[in-house]
């Protein structure tokens, strides 16, 4: 039961990290067409979101290891 909770949490963290990563991609596309002021805003948002992405990704991988899986094993299962 203990491993199940860690794996569930890990998957939730990793799924959220992927959503943020995709959103960052959409913001980067907006940068291409933005004026200078808007670019500054977008880069600021991207920086904050990327920090969140890294934290979620790191925590998700840590939780997988605590649950007895490695990140590579989890990717192979999916």
PDB file of N, CA and C in Angstrom:
ATOM      1  N   UNK A   1       0.823  -1.194   0.000  1.00  0.00           N
ATOM      2  CA  UNK A   1       0.000   0.000   0.000  1.00  0.00           C
ATOM      3  C   UNK A   1       0.868   1.260   0.000  1.00  0.00           C
ATOM      4  N   UNK A   2       1.935   1.230   0.727  1.00  0.00           N
ATOM      5  CA  UNK A   2       2.823   2.379   0.829  1.00  0.00           C
ATOM      6  C   UNK A   2       3.390   2.757  -0.542  1.00  0.00           C
ATOM      7  N   UNK A   3       3.872   1.776  -1.302  1.00  0.00           N
ATOM      8  CA  UNK A   3       4.416   2.040  -2.630  1.00  0.00           C
ATOM      9  C   UNK A   3       3.363   2.619  -3.562  1.00  0.00           C
ATOM     10  N   UNK A   4       2.160   2.152  -3.434  1.00  0.00           N
ATOM     11  CA  UNK A   4       1.088   2.619  -4.291  1.00  0.00           C
ATOM     12  C   UNK A   4       0.881   4.119  -4.125  1.00  0.00           C
ATOM     13  N   UNK A   5       0.907   4.617  -2.905  1.00  0.00           N
ATOM     14  CA  UNK A   5       0.720   6.041  -2.667  1.00  0.00           C
ATOM     15  C   UNK A   5       1.851   6.858  -3.296  1.00  0.00           C
ATOM     16  N   UNK A   6       3.078   6.425  -3.113  1.00  0.00           N
ATOM     17  CA  UNK A   6       4.204   7.142  -3.708  1.00  0.00           C
ATOM     18  C   UNK A   6       4.089   7.166  -5.228  1.00  0.00           C
ATOM     19  N   UNK A   7       3.749   6.050  -5.809  1.00  0.00           N
ATOM     20  CA  UNK A   7       3.630   5.989  -7.268  1.00  0.00           C
ATOM     21  C   UNK A   7       2.485   6.859  -7.768  1.00  0.00           C
ATOM     22  N   UNK A   8       1.381   6.870  -7.050  1.00  0.00           N
ATOM     23  CA  UNK A   8       0.246   7.714  -7.433  1.00  0.00           C
ATOM     24  C   UNK A   8       0.636   9.184  -7.360  1.00  0.00           C
ATOM     25  N   UNK A   9       1.262   9.568  -6.268  1.00  0.00           N
ATOM     26  CA  UNK A   9       1.710  10.958  -6.121  1.00  0.00           C
ATOM     27  C   UNK A   9       2.695  11.309  -7.223  1.00  0.00           C
ATOM     28  N   UNK A  10       3.633  10.407  -7.488  1.00  0.00           N
ATOM     29  CA  UNK A  10       4.646  10.649  -8.510  1.00  0.00           C
ATOM     30  C   UNK A  10       3.987  10.901  -9.864  1.00  0.00           C
ATOM     31  N   UNK A  11       3.040  10.072 -10.208  1.00  0.00           N
ATOM     32  CA  UNK A  11       2.357  10.225 -11.493  1.00  0.00           C
ATOM     33  C   UNK A  11       1.601  11.535 -11.582  1.00  0.00           C
ATOM     34  N   UNK A  12       1.005  11.966 -10.471  1.00  0.00           N
ATOM     35  CA  UNK A  12       0.309  13.246 -10.450  1.00  0.00           C
ATOM     36  C   UNK A  12       1.290  14.401 -10.650  1.00  0.00           C
ATOM     37  N   UNK A  13       2.419  14.351  -9.960  1.00  0.00           N
ATOM     38  CA  UNK A  13       3.438  15.390 -10.112  1.00  0.00           C
ATOM     39  C   UNK A  13       3.977  15.419 -11.543  1.00  0.00           C
ATOM     40  N   UNK A  14       4.274  14.249 -12.090  1.00  0.00           N
ATOM     41  CA  UNK A  14       4.832  14.188 -13.441  1.00  0.00           C
ATOM     42  C   UNK A  14       3.818  14.623 -14.498  1.00  0.00           C
ATOM     43  N   UNK A  15       2.553  14.304 -14.292  1.00  0.00           N
ATOM     44  CA  UNK A  15       1.514  14.734 -15.226  1.00  0.00           C
ATOM     45  C   UNK A  15       1.376  16.259 -15.194  1.00  0.00           C
ATOM     46  N   UNK A  16       1.413  16.835 -14.010  1.00  0.00           N
ATOM     47  CA  UNK A  16       1.325  18.285 -13.875  1.00  0.00           C
ATOM     48  C   UNK A  16       2.542  18.955 -14.517  1.00  0.00           C
ATOM     49  N   UNK A  17       3.711  18.352 -14.349  1.00  0.00           N
ATOM     50  CA  UNK A  17       4.927  18.882 -14.975  1.00  0.00           C
ATOM     51  C   UNK A  17       4.780  18.893 -16.492  1.00  0.00           C
ATOM     52  N   UNK A  18       4.214  17.849 -17.060  1.00  0.00           N
ATOM     53  CA  UNK A  18       4.023  17.779 -18.511  1.00  0.00           C
ATOM     54  C   UNK A  18       3.047  18.852 -18.998  1.00  0.00           C
ATOM     55  N   UNK A  19       1.977  19.087 -18.224  1.00  0.00           N
ATOM     56  CA  UNK A  19       1.018  20.127 -18.602  1.00  0.00           C
ATOM     57  C   UNK A  19       1.685  21.493 -18.625  1.00  0.00           C
ATOM     58  N   UNK A  20       2.506  21.761 -17.622  1.00  0.00           N
ATOM     59  CA  UNK A  20       3.211  23.040 -17.568  1.00  0.00           C
ATOM     60  C   UNK A  20       4.196  23.148 -18.726  1.00  0.00           C
ATOM     61  N   UNK A  21       4.877  22.068 -19.027  1.00  0.00           N
ATOM     62  CA  UNK A  21       5.834  22.067 -20.139  1.00  0.00           C
ATOM     63  C   UNK A  21       5.131  22.394 -21.460  1.00  0.00           C
ATOM     64  N   UNK A  22       3.969  21.820 -21.677  1.00  0.00           N
ATOM     65  CA  UNK A  22       3.204  22.092 -22.892  1.00  0.00           C
ATOM     66  C   UNK A  22       2.750  23.547 -22.942  1.00  0.00           C
ATOM     67  N   UNK A  23       2.332  24.068 -21.791  1.00  0.00           N
ATOM     68  CA  UNK A  23       1.893  25.464 -21.718  1.00  0.00           C
ATOM     69  C   UNK A  23       3.063  26.409 -22.003  1.00  0.00           C
ATOM     70  N   UNK A  24       4.235  26.073 -21.493  1.00  0.00           N
ATOM     71  CA  UNK A  24       5.425  26.874 -21.773  1.00  0.00           C
ATOM     72  C   UNK A  24       5.682  26.907 -23.282  1.00  0.00           C
ATOM     73  N   UNK A  25       5.499  25.785 -23.938  1.00  0.00           N
ATOM     74  CA  UNK A  25       5.657  25.733 -25.393  1.00  0.00           C
ATOM     75  C   UNK A  25       4.710  26.686 -26.104  1.00  0.00           C
ATOM     76  N   UNK A  26       3.470  26.740 -25.639  1.00  0.00           N
ATOM     77  CA  UNK A  26       2.501  27.666 -26.244  1.00  0.00           C
ATOM     78  C   UNK A  26       2.910  29.120 -25.997  1.00  0.00           C
ATOM     79  N   UNK A  27       3.415  29.405 -24.799  1.00  0.00           N
ATOM     80  CA  UNK A  27       3.878  30.763 -24.509  1.00  0.00           C
ATOM     81  C   UNK A  27       5.066  31.134 -25.388  1.00  0.00           C
ATOM     82  N   UNK A  28       5.975  30.196 -25.609  1.00  0.00           N
ATOM     83  CA  UNK A  28       7.132  30.461 -26.470  1.00  0.00           C
ATOM     84  C   UNK A  28       6.691  30.774 -27.902  1.00  0.00           C
ATOM     85  N   UNK A  29       5.633  30.137 -28.344  1.00  0.00           N
ATOM     86  CA  UNK A  29       5.104  30.449 -29.672  1.00  0.00           C
ATOM     87  C   UNK A  29       4.561  31.873 -29.720  1.00  0.00           C
ATOM     88  N   UNK A  30       3.955  32.326 -28.623  1.00  0.00           N
ATOM     89  CA  UNK A  30       3.439  33.694 -28.558  1.00  0.00           C
ATOM     90  C   UNK A  30       4.561  34.722 -28.605  1.00  0.00           C
ATOM     91  N   UNK A  31       5.719  34.358 -28.046  1.00  0.00           N
ATOM     92  CA  UNK A  31       6.858  35.272 -28.026  1.00  0.00           C
ATOM     93  C   UNK A  31       7.251  35.674 -29.445  1.00  0.00           C
ATOM     94  N   UNK A  32       7.141  34.751 -30.379  1.00  0.00           N
ATOM     95  CA  UNK A  32       7.565  34.996 -31.761  1.00  0.00           C
ATOM     96  C   UNK A  32       6.831  36.179 -32.397  1.00  0.00           C
ATOM     97  N   UNK A  33       5.585  36.399 -31.981  1.00  0.00           N
ATOM     98  CA  UNK A  33       4.768  37.440 -32.600  1.00  0.00           C
ATOM     99  C   UNK A  33       4.532  38.633 -31.685  1.00  0.00           C
ATOM    100  N   UNK A  34       5.134  38.658 -30.524  1.00  0.00           N
ATOM    101  CA  UNK A  34       4.857  39.701 -29.530  1.00  0.00           C
ATOM    102  C   UNK A  34       5.762  40.918 -29.722  1.00  0.00           C
ATOM    103  N   UNK A  35       5.252  42.068 -29.259  1.00  0.00           N
ATOM    104  CA  UNK A  35       6.088  43.267 -29.247  1.00  0.00           C
ATOM    105  C   UNK A  35       7.053  43.182 -28.055  1.00  0.00           C
ATOM    106  N   UNK A  36       7.942  44.131 -27.938  1.00  0.00           N
ATOM    107  CA  UNK A  36       8.999  44.084 -26.924  1.00  0.00           C
ATOM    108  C   UNK A  36       8.447  44.000 -25.499  1.00  0.00           C
ATOM    109  N   UNK A  37       7.431  44.792 -25.206  1.00  0.00           N
ATOM    110  CA  UNK A  37       6.868  44.784 -23.852  1.00  0.00           C
ATOM    111  C   UNK A  37       6.217  43.449 -23.533  1.00  0.00           C
ATOM    112  N   UNK A  38       5.467  42.940 -24.484  1.00  0.00           N
ATOM    113  CA  UNK A  38       4.792  41.649 -24.297  1.00  0.00           C
ATOM    114  C   UNK A  38       5.816  40.522 -24.169  1.00  0.00           C
ATOM    115  N   UNK A  39       6.901  40.592 -24.940  1.00  0.00           N
ATOM    116  CA  UNK A  39       7.951  39.580 -24.840  1.00  0.00           C
ATOM    117  C   UNK A  39       8.521  39.530 -23.432  1.00  0.00           C
ATOM    118  N   UNK A  40       8.738  40.706 -22.854  1.00  0.00           N
ATOM    119  CA  UNK A  40       9.270  40.784 -21.492  1.00  0.00           C
ATOM    120  C   UNK A  40       8.330  40.089 -20.506  1.00  0.00           C
ATOM    121  N   UNK A  41       7.028  40.344 -20.640  1.00  0.00           N
ATOM    122  CA  UNK A  41       6.025  39.689 -19.794  1.00  0.00           C
ATOM    123  C   UNK A  41       6.052  38.178 -19.978  1.00  0.00           C
ATOM    124  N   UNK A  42       6.073  37.757 -21.228  1.00  0.00           N
ATOM    125  CA  UNK A  42       6.043  36.326 -21.527  1.00  0.00           C
ATOM    126  C   UNK A  42       7.285  35.618 -20.989  1.00  0.00           C
ATOM    127  N   UNK A  43       8.460  36.224 -21.189  1.00  0.00           N
ATOM    128  CA  UNK A  43       9.686  35.613 -20.674  1.00  0.00           C
ATOM    129  C   UNK A  43       9.664  35.507 -19.154  1.00  0.00           C
ATOM    130  N   UNK A  44       9.076  36.499 -18.506  1.00  0.00           N
ATOM    131  CA  UNK A  44       8.955  36.449 -17.044  1.00  0.00           C
ATOM    132  C   UNK A  44       8.060  35.283 -16.625  1.00  0.00           C
ATOM    133  N   UNK A  45       6.934  35.128 -17.294  1.00  0.00           N
ATOM    134  CA  UNK A  45       6.023  34.019 -16.994  1.00  0.00           C
ATOM    135  C   UNK A  45       6.677  32.676 -17.281  1.00  0.00           C
ATOM    136  N   UNK A  46       7.379  32.600 -18.413  1.00  0.00           N
ATOM    137  CA  UNK A  46       8.047  31.353 -18.788  1.00  0.00           C
ATOM    138  C   UNK A  46       9.075  30.971 -17.738  1.00  0.00           C
ATOM    139  N   UNK A  47       9.821  31.939 -17.232  1.00  0.00           N
ATOM    140  CA  UNK A  47      10.841  31.668 -16.215  1.00  0.00           C
ATOM    141  C   UNK A  47      10.218  31.088 -14.951  1.00  0.00           C
ATOM    142  N   UNK A  48       9.130  31.690 -14.502  1.00  0.00           N
ATOM    143  CA  UNK A  48       8.443  31.195 -13.298  1.00  0.00           C
ATOM    144  C   UNK A  48       7.885  29.793 -13.535  1.00  0.00           C
ATOM    145  N   UNK A  49       7.226  29.611 -14.665  1.00  0.00           N
ATOM    146  CA  UNK A  49       6.631  28.307 -14.972  1.00  0.00           C
ATOM    147  C   UNK A  49       7.694  27.227 -15.154  1.00  0.00           C
ATOM    148  N   UNK A  50       8.827  27.593 -15.750  1.00  0.00           N
ATOM    149  CA  UNK A  50       9.885  26.607 -15.931  1.00  0.00           C
ATOM    150  C   UNK A  50      10.439  26.163 -14.581  1.00  0.00           C
ATOM    151  N   UNK A  51      10.550  27.089 -13.658  1.00  0.00           N
ATOM    152  CA  UNK A  51      10.984  26.742 -12.306  1.00  0.00           C
ATOM    153  C   UNK A  51       9.994  25.765 -11.666  1.00  0.00           C
ATOM    154  N   UNK A  52       8.707  26.017 -11.852  1.00  0.00           N
ATOM    155  CA  UNK A  52       7.680  25.114 -11.331  1.00  0.00           C
ATOM    156  C   UNK A  52       7.787  23.745 -11.988  1.00  0.00           C
ATOM    157  N   UNK A  53       8.000  23.740 -13.309  1.00  0.00           N
ATOM    158  CA  UNK A  53       8.147  22.488 -14.042  1.00  0.00           C
ATOM    159  C   UNK A  53       9.297  21.662 -13.479  1.00  0.00           C
ATOM    160  N   UNK A  54      10.447  22.303 -13.284  1.00  0.00           N
ATOM    161  CA  UNK A  54      11.612  21.584 -12.768  1.00  0.00           C
ATOM    162  C   UNK A  54      11.334  20.993 -11.388  1.00  0.00           C
ATOM    163  N   UNK A  55      10.683  21.766 -10.536  1.00  0.00           N
ATOM    164  CA  UNK A  55      10.374  21.294  -9.184  1.00  0.00           C
ATOM    165  C   UNK A  55       9.411  20.105  -9.217  1.00  0.00           C
ATOM    166  N   UNK A  56       8.365  20.200 -10.028  1.00  0.00           N
ATOM    167  CA  UNK A  56       7.404  19.098 -10.144  1.00  0.00           C
ATOM    168  C   UNK A  56       8.062  17.850 -10.718  1.00  0.00           C
ATOM    169  N   UNK A  57       8.879  18.031 -11.724  1.00  0.00           N
ATOM    170  CA  UNK A  57       9.557  16.906 -12.361  1.00  0.00           C
ATOM    171  C   UNK A  57      10.513  16.224 -11.380  1.00  0.00           C
ATOM    172  N   UNK A  58      11.292  17.017 -10.689  1.00  0.00           N
ATOM    173  CA  UNK A  58      12.237  16.473  -9.716  1.00  0.00           C
ATOM    174  C   UNK A  58      11.499  15.728  -8.596  1.00  0.00           C
ATOM    175  N   UNK A  59      10.446  16.340  -8.077  1.00  0.00           N
ATOM    176  CA  UNK A  59       9.687  15.722  -6.988  1.00  0.00           C
ATOM    177  C   UNK A  59       9.016  14.435  -7.460  1.00  0.00           C
ATOM    178  N   UNK A  60       8.463  14.445  -8.675  1.00  0.00           N
ATOM    179  CA  UNK A  60       7.833  13.240  -9.221  1.00  0.00           C
ATOM    180  C   UNK A  60       8.820  12.095  -9.346  1.00  0.00           C
ATOM    181  N   UNK A  61      10.011  12.382  -9.840  1.00  0.00           N
ATOM    182  CA  UNK A  61      11.031  11.337  -9.969  1.00  0.00           C
ATOM    183  C   UNK A  61      11.475  10.835  -8.597  1.00  0.00           C
ATOM    184  N   UNK A  62      11.599  11.756  -7.646  1.00  0.00           N
ATOM    185  CA  UNK A  62      11.972  11.362  -6.285  1.00  0.00           C
ATOM    186  C   UNK A  62      10.905  10.438  -5.689  1.00  0.00           C
ATOM    187  N   UNK A  63       9.646  10.791  -5.870  1.00  0.00           N
ATOM    188  CA  UNK A  63       8.560   9.963  -5.337  1.00  0.00           C
ATOM    189  C   UNK A  63       8.539   8.580  -5.988  1.00  0.00           C
ATOM    190  N   UNK A  64       8.840   8.519  -7.279  1.00  0.00           N
ATOM    191  CA  UNK A  64       8.919   7.213  -7.939  1.00  0.00           C
ATOM    192  C   UNK A  64       9.997   6.350  -7.289  1.00  0.00           C
ATOM    193  N   UNK A  65      11.137   6.953  -7.035  1.00  0.00           N
ATOM    194  CA  UNK A  65      12.220   6.198  -6.404  1.00  0.00           C
ATOM    195  C   UNK A  65      11.820   5.745  -5.009  1.00  0.00           C
ATOM    196  N   UNK A  66      11.135   6.599  -4.265  1.00  0.00           N
ATOM    197  CA  UNK A  66      10.659   6.223  -2.932  1.00  0.00           C
ATOM    198  C   UNK A  66       9.658   5.079  -3.010  1.00  0.00           C
ATOM    199  N   UNK A  67       8.913   5.039  -4.110  1.00  0.00           N
ATOM    200  CA  UNK A  67       7.925   3.989  -4.303  1.00  0.00           C
ATOM    201  C   UNK A  67       8.517   2.708  -4.867  1.00  0.00           C
ATOM    202  N   UNK A  68       9.807   2.729  -5.164  1.00  0.00           N
ATOM    203  CA  UNK A  68      10.465   1.518  -5.629  1.00  0.00           C
ATOM    204  C   UNK A  68      10.642   1.420  -7.121  1.00  0.00           C
ATOM    205  N   UNK A  69      10.319   2.456  -7.877  1.00  0.00           N
ATOM    206  CA  UNK A  69      10.494   2.449  -9.328  1.00  0.00           C
ATOM    207  C   UNK A  69      11.524   3.506  -9.679  1.00  0.00           C
ATOM    208  N   UNK A  70      12.155   3.311 -10.803  1.00  0.00           N
ATOM    209  CA  UNK A  70      12.983   4.381 -11.357  1.00  0.00           C
ATOM    210  C   UNK A  70      12.160   5.085 -12.429  1.00  0.00           C
ATOM    211  N   UNK A  71      12.577   6.279 -12.798  1.00  0.00           N
ATOM    212  CA  UNK A  71      11.847   7.035 -13.814  1.00  0.00           C
ATOM    213  C   UNK A  71      11.832   6.274 -15.137  1.00  0.00           C
ATOM    214  N   UNK A  72      12.933   5.616 -15.493  1.00  0.00           N
ATOM    215  CA  UNK A  72      12.998   4.845 -16.733  1.00  0.00           C
ATOM    216  C   UNK A  72      12.020   3.676 -16.738  1.00  0.00           C
ATOM    217  N   UNK A  73      11.869   3.010 -15.607  1.00  0.00           N
ATOM    218  CA  UNK A  73      10.908   1.905 -15.516  1.00  0.00           C
ATOM    219  C   UNK A  73       9.494   2.426 -15.694  1.00  0.00           C
ATOM    220  N   UNK A  74       9.195   3.565 -15.105  1.00  0.00           N
ATOM    221  CA  UNK A  74       7.861   4.138 -15.180  1.00  0.00           C
ATOM    222  C   UNK A  74       7.547   4.520 -16.616  1.00  0.00           C
ATOM    223  N   UNK A  75       8.498   5.106 -17.354  1.00  0.00           N
ATOM    224  CA  UNK A  75       8.293   5.485 -18.744  1.00  0.00           C
ATOM    225  C   UNK A  75       8.075   4.242 -19.620  1.00  0.00           C
ATOM    226  N   UNK A  76       8.769   3.154 -19.315  1.00  0.00           N
ATOM    227  CA  UNK A  76       8.645   1.932 -20.102  1.00  0.00           C
ATOM    228  C   UNK A  76       7.266   1.302 -19.929  1.00  0.00           C
ATOM    229  N   UNK A  77       6.686   1.450 -18.754  1.00  0.00           N
ATOM    230  CA  UNK A  77       5.364   0.888 -18.481  1.00  0.00           C
ATOM    231  C   UNK A  77       4.290   1.653 -19.242  1.00  0.00           C
ATOM    232  N   UNK A  78       4.437   2.972 -19.315  1.00  0.00           N
ATOM    233  CA  UNK A  78       3.438   3.835 -19.958  1.00  0.00           C
ATOM    234  C   UNK A  78       3.434   3.703 -21.427  1.00  0.00           C
TER     235      UNK A  78
END
